[in-house]
Amino acid sequence: MAPDGTLRKTNKTALAKRLKKVLSPVERLPENSSTVIDGMALVQHLEANHMYFSDVSKLFLTALCEGGSSGRIDIVFDVYRSESIKNAERVNRGAFSGISFRTIAPGHIVKQWRNFLCSPENKTRLIEFLVSDWSKEEKRLQLKGKEML
């Protein structure tokens, strides 16, 4: 809370800078290490114009597999609540534009990735699609490093 009683936004960048000050990089990860990935940050960095959602999933998974030798990889996604500070800011700046997908299937194509990501509903459905797609046996094997697609 801010001193005036209103809700205050968090700043992930400030946290990252603080962590960099107190932690030093390692050449090689220890055997029992774990990797935590900001899933939506990775989604935002993807260039997925004119790609099928199945290809987006593969691209995302390939980026995760390049993450190295951790024994465990946790992918953390934002939650998009209709009543939140973030959502109120999006509404104020008119960020809702583009097509909203009711369902996402592997054969659906994304023509304009940035416009697709403007909708919190699309992001939620994308996360649901990715989780469903990654639960398939061949994707789990890829994450374990036994098979590359």
Protein backbone atom coordinates (compact mmCIF):
# COMPACT_ATOMS: atom_id res chain seq x y z
CA MET A 1 0.00 0.00 0.00
CA ALA A 2 1.06 3.53 -0.71
CA PRO A 3 1.15 6.06 2.16
CA ASP A 4 -2.18 7.50 0.99
CA GLY A 5 -3.88 4.08 1.29
CA THR A 6 -4.07 3.31 -2.43
CA LEU A 7 -2.66 0.15 -3.93
CA ARG A 8 0.89 0.40 -5.22
CA LYS A 9 2.27 -1.41 -8.25
CA THR A 10 5.25 -3.69 -7.89
CA ASN A 11 8.32 -3.27 -10.03
CA LYS A 12 9.86 -6.53 -11.27
CA THR A 13 12.76 -4.63 -12.82
CA ALA A 14 13.71 -3.17 -9.45
CA LEU A 15 13.69 -6.66 -7.95
CA ALA A 16 15.90 -7.99 -10.75
CA LYS A 17 18.41 -5.16 -10.26
CA ARG A 18 18.48 -5.80 -6.52
CA LEU A 19 19.08 -9.52 -7.05
CA LYS A 20 21.93 -8.79 -9.48
CA LYS A 21 23.62 -6.69 -6.79
CA VAL A 22 23.60 -9.47 -4.19
CA LEU A 23 24.05 -12.52 -6.44
CA SER A 24 26.90 -13.40 -8.75
CA PRO A 25 26.58 -15.50 -11.90
CA VAL A 26 27.97 -19.01 -11.96
CA GLU A 27 29.79 -20.75 -14.80
CA ARG A 28 27.90 -23.98 -14.29
CA LEU A 29 24.67 -24.73 -12.47
CA PRO A 30 24.89 -27.13 -9.52
CA GLU A 31 23.30 -30.56 -10.03
CA ASN A 32 20.32 -29.91 -7.76
CA SER A 33 19.53 -26.54 -9.24
CA SER A 34 16.16 -25.19 -10.28
CA THR A 35 15.30 -22.61 -12.91
CA VAL A 36 12.38 -20.20 -12.58
CA ILE A 37 11.26 -18.53 -15.79
CA ASP A 38 8.92 -15.56 -16.16
CA GLY A 39 6.66 -17.14 -18.76
CA MET A 40 4.95 -13.96 -19.89
CA ALA A 41 8.29 -12.16 -20.31
CA LEU A 42 9.34 -14.95 -22.65
CA VAL A 43 6.00 -14.77 -24.50
CA GLN A 44 6.46 -11.01 -24.94
CA HIS A 45 9.90 -11.59 -26.53
CA LEU A 46 8.63 -14.09 -29.08
CA GLU A 47 8.20 -12.94 -32.64
CA ALA A 48 5.20 -15.01 -33.61
CA ASN A 49 3.48 -13.07 -36.41
CA HIS A 50 1.86 -15.44 -38.93
CA MET A 51 2.71 -18.53 -36.85
CA TYR A 52 0.47 -21.42 -35.88
CA PHE A 53 -0.08 -21.85 -32.17
CA SER A 54 1.54 -25.30 -32.43
CA ASP A 55 4.69 -23.56 -33.73
CA VAL A 56 4.51 -20.95 -30.95
CA SER A 57 4.43 -23.80 -28.44
CA LYS A 58 7.46 -25.47 -30.08
CA LEU A 59 9.38 -22.19 -30.19
CA PHE A 60 8.63 -21.53 -26.54
CA LEU A 61 9.61 -25.06 -25.55
CA THR A 62 12.85 -24.85 -27.54
CA ALA A 63 13.74 -21.66 -25.67
CA LEU A 64 13.08 -23.46 -22.39
CA CYS A 65 15.24 -26.43 -23.37
CA GLU A 66 18.11 -24.07 -24.10
CA GLY A 67 17.78 -23.01 -20.45
CA GLY A 68 20.26 -25.65 -19.49
CA SER A 69 20.86 -28.41 -17.10
CA SER A 70 18.51 -27.66 -14.23
CA GLY A 71 16.86 -30.64 -12.65
CA ARG A 72 13.66 -28.65 -12.46
CA ILE A 73 12.20 -25.84 -14.55
CA ASP A 74 9.29 -23.79 -13.19
CA ILE A 75 7.49 -21.48 -15.60
CA VAL A 76 5.53 -18.77 -13.84
CA PHE A 77 2.84 -16.84 -15.69
CA ASP A 78 1.02 -13.68 -14.68
CA VAL A 79 -2.61 -13.91 -13.63
CA TYR A 80 -5.04 -11.64 -15.43
CA ARG A 81 -7.80 -10.59 -13.07
CA SER A 82 -10.48 -8.21 -14.28
CA GLU A 83 -10.31 -6.26 -11.01
CA SER A 84 -6.66 -5.31 -10.65
CA ILE A 85 -4.39 -2.29 -10.83
CA LYS A 86 -2.79 -3.62 -14.00
CA ASN A 87 -6.13 -4.14 -15.71
CA ALA A 88 -7.38 -0.68 -14.69
CA GLU A 89 -4.26 0.86 -16.24
CA ARG A 90 -4.81 -1.10 -19.47
CA VAL A 91 -8.40 0.15 -19.67
CA ASN A 92 -7.28 3.75 -19.02
CA ARG A 93 -4.78 3.71 -21.86
CA GLY A 94 -7.13 1.89 -24.22
CA ALA A 95 -4.90 -1.15 -24.52
CA PHE A 96 -7.72 -3.53 -25.45
CA SER A 97 -7.70 -3.95 -29.18
CA GLY A 98 -7.52 -6.72 -31.71
CA ILE A 99 -9.28 -10.03 -31.98
CA SER A 100 -10.20 -12.03 -28.91
CA PHE A 101 -9.90 -15.81 -29.22
CA ARG A 102 -12.52 -17.97 -27.51
CA THR A 103 -10.43 -21.08 -27.96
CA ILE A 104 -6.91 -21.69 -29.17
CA ALA A 105 -6.03 -24.79 -31.17
CA PRO A 106 -2.69 -25.91 -32.65
CA GLY A 107 -3.87 -25.13 -36.21
CA HIS A 108 -5.00 -21.57 -35.45
CA ILE A 109 -2.71 -18.87 -36.79
CA VAL A 110 -1.68 -15.59 -35.17
CA LYS A 111 -1.45 -12.82 -37.72
CA GLN A 112 -0.46 -9.98 -35.40
CA TRP A 113 1.24 -11.25 -32.24
CA ARG A 114 1.39 -7.87 -30.45
CA ASN A 115 -2.31 -7.22 -31.03
CA PHE A 116 -3.11 -10.73 -29.84
CA LEU A 117 -1.22 -10.05 -26.60
CA CYS A 118 -3.19 -6.84 -25.91
CA SER A 119 -6.08 -8.91 -24.62
CA PRO A 120 -5.83 -10.41 -21.11
CA GLU A 121 -8.32 -13.09 -22.20
CA ASN A 122 -6.04 -14.09 -25.09
CA LYS A 123 -3.08 -14.34 -22.72
CA THR A 124 -5.04 -16.54 -20.34
CA ARG A 125 -6.15 -18.79 -23.21
CA LEU A 126 -2.58 -18.93 -24.54
CA ILE A 127 -1.30 -20.08 -21.14
CA GLU A 128 -4.03 -22.74 -21.00
CA PHE A 129 -3.12 -23.89 -24.51
CA LEU A 130 0.61 -24.08 -23.73
CA VAL A 131 0.05 -26.05 -20.53
CA SER A 132 -2.24 -28.47 -22.36
CA ASP A 133 0.18 -28.84 -25.26
CA TRP A 134 3.20 -29.37 -22.99
CA SER A 135 1.38 -32.11 -21.07
CA LYS A 136 1.67 -34.38 -24.11
CA GLU A 137 4.22 -37.18 -23.81
CA GLU A 138 6.48 -36.01 -26.66
CA LYS A 139 6.71 -32.52 -25.14
CA ARG A 140 7.60 -33.89 -21.70
CA LEU A 141 10.33 -35.97 -23.30
CA GLN A 142 11.64 -32.88 -25.04
CA LEU A 143 11.83 -31.03 -21.73
CA LYS A 144 13.69 -33.96 -20.21
CA GLY A 145 16.19 -33.68 -23.05
CA LYS A 146 15.49 -37.16 -24.43
CA GLU A 147 14.06 -36.02 -27.71
CA MET A 148 14.19 -32.80 -29.70
CA LEU A 149 11.34 -31.92 -32.05
